[in-house]
Amino acid sequence: MFFKNLLLLNKQLLMATTQELQDFTQQVRRDILRMVHAVNSGHPGGSLGCAEFFTVLYQEVLEYSTNFKMDGENENLFFLSNGHISPVFYSVLARSGFFPVEELATFRKMNTRLQGHPTTHEGLPGIRIASGSLGQGMSVAIGAAEAKKLNGDDKIIYTLHGDGELQEGQIWESAMYASAKKIDNLISTIDLNGKQIDGATDDVLPMGSIRAKFEAFGWEVLDIVKGNDVNSIIRGLSEAKSKTGKGKPVCVLLHTEMGNGIDFMMHTHAWHGKAPNDDQLADALNQNPVTLGDY
């Protein structure tokens, strides 16, 4: 009976944690929608699709300090390569304590630190690279991972990339280098939503099996099939971490839905880079009631 009760308690704790993560994600969705609507500009589709991933990453996985320093010594580092999904990045950084939540209201406005694509010269805490040009994030992350090794720092480097971004050649140069140099303190996640700004990735430029490509380049590869489920992401990233330090970089294939959580934004590429109007915003916010408090 004791062990049965203990198991029930652990299950209840897991459920509470899951609910907290879901509430956090729901508030992040609200932030994304309100940011892009306010300036009629930005990229809500991919941001919404990765809301659960960013929530888990910053609330459960990464070891970091909000006393931000660029060198990130003895911390996990994260590099967003597909920088156009900055709304989700800014929301999660703010709600994780890097800068005031109220600053989200300055997104894409004059003299803001919250540029449409993340930049470094404004000194926004949490941002280590400018990532407006696609394809470059993995190269930077590899350099950071090698620096960790040279400094005897055992913390892991994490990256995120869009599947459309993999059409950039520099990604595959980086993938080849990471494998050849045994960069095994790197976990690169690919947002596999099958869509990019001009349509389905298979229609724009088919890439075949992403898994087969990374495996052919010498990476360890795993899938998170339910990429919009917080518990699946927790388990997947835990498995990915267990595969580090074994001579190979690790690739996580995160299967997501662009526009997730907003019924009229899902199952289409149309909201890759389009802001909702007033009525659409109201509808979307009604689908995601406030949980932590709007800015």
Protein backbone atom coordinates (compact mmCIF):
# COMPACT_ATOMS: atom_id res chain seq x y z
CA MET A 1 0.00 0.00 0.00
CA PHE A 2 2.87 2.38 0.81
CA PHE A 3 4.43 1.95 -2.62
CA LYS A 4 1.02 2.25 -4.30
CA ASN A 5 0.42 5.55 -2.48
CA LEU A 6 3.94 6.72 -3.32
CA LEU A 7 3.33 5.94 -6.99
CA LEU A 8 0.05 7.87 -6.89
CA LEU A 9 1.80 10.85 -5.25
CA ASN A 10 4.49 10.85 -7.95
CA LYS A 11 1.80 10.69 -10.62
CA GLN A 12 -0.01 13.63 -9.03
CA LEU A 13 3.22 15.62 -8.91
CA LEU A 14 3.84 14.84 -12.58
CA MET A 15 0.32 15.96 -13.46
CA ALA A 16 0.78 19.21 -11.54
CA THR A 17 4.04 19.86 -13.35
CA THR A 18 2.42 19.05 -16.67
CA GLN A 19 -0.41 21.48 -15.98
CA GLU A 20 2.04 24.20 -15.05
CA LEU A 21 3.93 23.67 -18.29
CA GLN A 22 0.72 23.69 -20.28
CA ASP A 23 -0.39 26.91 -18.57
CA PHE A 24 2.98 28.47 -19.31
CA THR A 25 2.71 27.39 -22.95
CA GLN A 26 -0.78 28.82 -23.23
CA GLN A 27 0.40 32.19 -21.95
CA VAL A 28 3.31 32.10 -24.39
CA ARG A 29 0.82 31.58 -27.23
CA ARG A 30 -1.07 34.66 -26.07
CA ASP A 31 2.16 36.66 -25.99
CA ILE A 32 3.06 35.59 -29.54
CA LEU A 33 -0.34 36.54 -30.90
CA ARG A 34 -0.47 39.89 -29.16
CA MET A 35 3.09 40.83 -30.18
CA VAL A 36 2.64 40.22 -33.90
CA HIS A 37 -0.86 41.73 -33.93
CA ALA A 38 0.28 44.96 -32.29
CA VAL A 39 2.67 45.77 -35.15
CA ASN A 40 0.97 43.76 -37.90
CA SER A 41 4.28 42.05 -38.49
CA GLY A 42 6.14 38.93 -37.45
CA HIS A 43 6.05 35.15 -37.70
CA PRO A 44 3.34 33.51 -35.57
CA GLY A 45 3.10 30.11 -37.31
CA GLY A 46 6.45 28.59 -36.40
CA SER A 47 6.48 30.41 -33.07
CA LEU A 48 3.20 28.78 -32.04
CA GLY A 49 4.40 25.40 -33.27
CA CYS A 50 7.49 25.57 -31.04
CA ALA A 51 5.82 27.01 -27.91
CA GLU A 52 5.87 23.68 -26.07
CA PHE A 53 9.49 23.05 -27.01
CA PHE A 54 10.68 26.43 -25.71
CA THR A 55 8.62 26.03 -22.55
CA VAL A 56 10.16 22.66 -21.74
CA LEU A 57 13.64 23.82 -22.73
CA TYR A 58 13.68 26.83 -20.41
CA GLN A 59 11.45 25.52 -17.63
CA GLU A 60 12.74 21.95 -17.39
CA VAL A 61 15.94 21.25 -19.32
CA LEU A 62 18.47 24.06 -19.49
CA GLU A 63 20.80 24.94 -16.65
CA TYR A 64 21.24 28.71 -16.84
CA SER A 65 21.48 31.92 -14.87
CA THR A 66 19.28 34.94 -15.55
CA ASN A 67 22.31 36.99 -14.51
CA PHE A 68 23.19 36.89 -18.18
CA LYS A 69 26.79 36.76 -19.37
CA MET A 70 27.79 36.18 -22.96
CA ASP A 71 30.40 33.51 -22.18
CA GLY A 72 27.81 31.27 -20.48
CA GLU A 73 30.46 29.55 -18.39
CA ASN A 74 29.11 26.47 -16.58
CA GLU A 75 25.71 26.93 -18.24
CA ASN A 76 23.86 25.21 -21.05
CA LEU A 77 23.77 27.47 -24.10
CA PHE A 78 20.92 27.70 -26.59
CA PHE A 79 21.17 29.09 -30.11
CA LEU A 80 18.07 29.83 -32.16
CA SER A 81 19.10 29.41 -35.79
CA ASN A 82 15.70 30.08 -37.42
CA GLY A 83 15.57 33.55 -35.89
CA HIS A 84 12.29 34.59 -37.49
CA ILE A 85 10.40 32.76 -34.72
CA SER A 86 11.69 35.37 -32.29
CA PRO A 87 8.22 35.99 -30.71
CA VAL A 88 8.26 32.61 -28.93
CA PHE A 89 11.90 33.09 -27.92
CA TYR A 90 11.27 36.56 -26.46
CA SER A 91 8.15 35.44 -24.60
CA VAL A 92 9.86 32.48 -22.95
CA LEU A 93 12.98 34.49 -22.10
CA ALA A 94 10.88 37.20 -20.46
CA ARG A 95 8.69 34.77 -18.54
CA SER A 96 11.80 32.85 -17.44
CA GLY A 97 13.20 36.01 -15.83
CA PHE A 98 15.74 37.34 -18.35
CA PHE A 99 14.02 40.72 -18.81
CA PRO A 100 10.69 42.32 -17.80
CA VAL A 101 7.59 40.77 -19.33
CA GLU A 102 6.29 44.29 -20.03
CA GLU A 103 9.08 44.76 -22.57
CA LEU A 104 7.28 42.34 -24.90
CA ALA A 105 5.03 45.28 -25.78
CA THR A 106 7.99 46.89 -27.62
CA PHE A 107 8.35 44.03 -30.13
CA ARG A 108 9.44 45.33 -33.58
CA LYS A 109 8.97 48.96 -32.55
CA MET A 110 11.47 51.80 -32.94
CA ASN A 111 14.53 51.59 -30.67
CA THR A 112 13.41 48.28 -29.18
CA ARG A 113 15.74 45.53 -27.98
CA LEU A 114 13.20 43.04 -29.39
CA GLN A 115 14.01 43.19 -33.09
CA GLY A 116 12.08 41.07 -35.59
CA HIS A 117 15.10 38.77 -35.73
CA PRO A 118 17.25 38.49 -32.59
CA THR A 119 20.32 40.71 -32.54
CA THR A 120 23.08 41.27 -30.02
CA HIS A 121 24.02 44.94 -30.21
CA GLU A 122 20.98 46.01 -28.13
CA GLY A 123 22.24 43.80 -25.29
CA LEU A 124 19.05 41.79 -24.75
CA PRO A 125 19.70 39.16 -22.05
CA GLY A 126 19.45 35.61 -23.36
CA ILE A 127 20.52 36.44 -26.93
CA ARG A 128 24.01 35.30 -27.88
CA ILE A 129 23.92 35.52 -31.68
CA ALA A 130 22.09 37.46 -34.37
CA SER A 131 20.05 34.94 -36.34
CA GLY A 132 18.27 36.65 -39.18
CA SER A 133 20.12 34.75 -41.91
CA LEU A 134 19.15 31.10 -41.97
CA GLY A 135 21.66 28.27 -41.90
CA GLN A 136 24.28 29.77 -39.60
CA GLY A 137 23.22 28.73 -36.10
CA MET A 138 24.74 25.27 -36.15
CA SER A 139 28.15 26.64 -37.12
CA VAL A 140 28.11 29.05 -34.18
CA ALA A 141 26.91 26.34 -31.83
CA ILE A 142 29.74 24.02 -32.87
CA GLY A 143 32.25 26.75 -32.03
CA ALA A 144 30.64 27.19 -28.62
CA ALA A 145 30.66 23.42 -28.07
CA GLU A 146 34.36 23.21 -28.90
CA ALA A 147 35.03 26.11 -26.52
CA LYS A 148 33.23 24.21 -23.76
CA LYS A 149 35.48 21.22 -24.35
CA LEU A 150 38.63 23.33 -24.36
CA ASN A 151 37.58 25.00 -21.11
CA GLY A 152 36.72 21.73 -19.37
CA ASP A 153 33.08 22.81 -19.16
CA ASP A 154 30.77 19.78 -19.32
CA LYS A 155 27.56 21.65 -20.12
CA ILE A 156 25.70 20.88 -23.37
CA ILE A 157 24.95 23.18 -26.32
CA TYR A 158 21.41 23.17 -27.73
CA THR A 159 20.17 24.53 -31.06
CA LEU A 160 16.88 24.81 -32.95
CA HIS A 161 16.47 24.83 -36.73
CA GLY A 162 13.53 24.93 -39.12
CA ASP A 163 13.10 22.08 -41.57
CA GLY A 164 13.00 24.57 -44.45
CA GLU A 165 16.29 25.94 -43.14
CA LEU A 166 17.92 22.61 -43.93
CA GLN A 167 17.79 23.62 -47.59
CA GLU A 168 20.77 25.87 -46.76
CA GLY A 169 24.11 24.30 -47.65
CA GLN A 170 25.97 25.63 -44.63
CA ILE A 171 23.88 23.35 -42.41
CA TRP A 172 25.37 20.28 -44.07
CA GLU A 173 28.91 21.62 -43.92
CA SER A 174 28.35 22.08 -40.20
CA ALA A 175 26.82 18.63 -39.83
CA MET A 176 29.82 17.07 -41.56
CA TYR A 177 32.27 19.00 -39.38
CA ALA A 178 30.44 18.18 -36.13
CA SER A 179 30.60 14.48 -36.84
CA ALA A 180 34.21 14.49 -38.05
CA LYS A 181 35.38 16.39 -34.97
CA LYS A 182 33.23 14.34 -32.57
CA ILE A 183 31.27 17.31 -31.24
CA ASP A 184 29.33 15.14 -28.83
CA ASN A 185 28.21 17.93 -26.50
CA LEU A 186 25.76 19.28 -29.09
CA ILE A 187 22.01 18.59 -29.38
CA SER A 188 20.45 20.11 -32.50
CA THR A 189 16.66 19.99 -32.77
CA ILE A 190 14.89 20.25 -36.13
CA ASP A 191 11.35 21.67 -36.14
CA LEU A 192 9.70 19.27 -38.58
CA ASN A 193 6.39 20.92 -39.43
CA GLY A 194 6.70 20.29 -43.17
CA LYS A 195 6.00 23.93 -44.06
CA GLN A 196 7.88 27.07 -45.01
CA ILE A 197 6.89 30.52 -46.19
CA ASP A 198 6.18 29.46 -49.79
CA GLY A 199 4.34 26.23 -49.03
CA ALA A 200 5.07 22.64 -48.08
CA THR A 201 8.78 21.88 -47.85
CA ASP A 202 8.24 18.89 -50.15
CA ASP A 203 6.82 21.23 -52.80
CA VAL A 204 9.47 23.95 -52.45
CA LEU A 205 12.54 21.70 -52.32
CA PRO A 206 12.10 18.05 -51.27
CA MET A 207 14.83 16.88 -48.91
CA GLY A 208 13.96 13.21 -48.61
CA SER A 209 14.54 11.55 -45.26
CA ILE A 210 16.04 14.02 -42.78
CA ARG A 211 16.80 11.14 -40.44
CA ALA A 212 18.72 9.27 -43.14
CA LYS A 213 20.68 12.39 -44.04
CA PHE A 214 21.84 13.11 -40.48
CA GLU A 215 22.64 9.46 -39.90
CA ALA A 216 24.66 9.43 -43.12
CA PHE A 217 26.57 12.44 -41.80
CA GLY A 218 27.42 10.44 -38.66
CA TRP A 219 24.93 11.87 -36.16
CA GLU A 220 22.90 10.09 -33.50
CA VAL A 221 19.23 10.73 -34.40
CA LEU A 222 16.00 10.39 -32.45
CA ASP A 223 12.39 11.45 -33.02
CA ILE A 224 9.90 13.24 -30.79
CA VAL A 225 6.76 12.23 -32.65
CA LYS A 226 4.43 14.27 -30.44
CA GLY A 227 6.34 17.53 -30.73
CA ASN A 228 3.51 19.60 -29.24
CA ASP A 229 3.19 17.48 -26.10
CA VAL A 230 5.24 18.70 -23.13
CA ASN A 231 5.79 15.27 -21.59
CA SER A 232 6.92 13.79 -24.90
CA ILE A 233 9.39 16.64 -25.27
CA ILE A 234 10.70 16.13 -21.74
CA ARG A 235 11.26 12.44 -22.41
CA GLY A 236 12.78 13.08 -25.83
CA LEU A 237 15.26 15.70 -24.65
CA SER A 238 16.20 13.50 -21.69
CA GLU A 239 16.95 10.66 -24.12
CA ALA A 240 18.94 13.06 -26.30
CA LYS A 241 21.03 14.14 -23.32
CA SER A 242 21.73 10.49 -22.48
CA LYS A 243 23.28 10.08 -25.94
CA THR A 244 25.78 12.95 -25.53
CA GLY A 245 29.42 12.33 -24.64
CA LYS A 246 29.63 9.23 -26.81
CA GLY A 247 31.53 10.57 -29.80
CA LYS A 248 28.62 11.76 -31.93
CA PRO A 249 26.54 14.96 -32.15
CA VAL A 250 22.83 14.39 -31.49
CA CYS A 251 19.92 15.38 -33.75
CA VAL A 252 16.34 15.54 -32.44
CA LEU A 253 13.56 15.45 -35.03
CA LEU A 254 10.69 17.38 -33.43
CA HIS A 255 7.41 16.73 -35.26
CA THR A 256 5.23 19.81 -34.73
CA GLU A 257 2.19 21.53 -36.20
CA MET A 258 2.69 25.07 -37.47
CA GLY A 259 0.23 27.42 -35.75
CA ASN A 260 -0.44 24.87 -33.00
CA GLY A 261 -3.15 25.81 -30.51
CA ILE A 262 -5.07 28.11 -32.88
CA ASP A 263 -7.56 26.15 -34.99
CA PHE A 264 -7.58 28.46 -38.01
CA MET A 265 -3.78 28.73 -38.12
CA MET A 266 -3.07 24.99 -38.10
CA HIS A 267 -2.58 22.70 -41.12
CA THR A 268 -1.47 25.53 -43.41
CA HIS A 269 1.65 27.54 -44.20
CA ALA A 270 -0.42 30.73 -44.58
CA TRP A 271 0.44 31.98 -41.08
CA HIS A 272 4.20 31.56 -41.40
CA GLY A 273 4.66 35.31 -41.59
CA LYS A 274 1.22 36.92 -41.30
CA ALA A 275 -0.29 38.69 -38.29
CA PRO A 276 -3.93 38.19 -37.24
CA ASN A 277 -6.41 41.05 -37.58
CA ASP A 278 -8.53 42.27 -34.65
CA ASP A 279 -11.26 39.64 -35.01
CA GLN A 280 -8.78 36.84 -35.56
CA LEU A 281 -6.79 37.91 -32.52
CA ALA A 282 -9.92 37.88 -30.35
CA ASP A 283 -10.81 34.40 -31.62
CA ALA A 284 -7.29 33.09 -31.02
CA LEU A 285 -7.09 34.55 -27.50
CA ASN A 286 -10.47 33.01 -26.65
CA GLN A 287 -8.97 29.64 -27.56
CA ASN A 288 -6.15 30.31 -25.07
CA PRO A 289 -7.50 31.99 -21.92
CA VAL A 290 -5.04 33.99 -19.85
CA THR A 291 -3.08 31.92 -17.32
CA LEU A 292 -0.07 33.87 -15.99
CA GLY A 293 -1.14 37.41 -16.82
CA ASP A 294 -0.78 39.45 -20.00
CA TYR A 295 1.80 42.23 -20.22
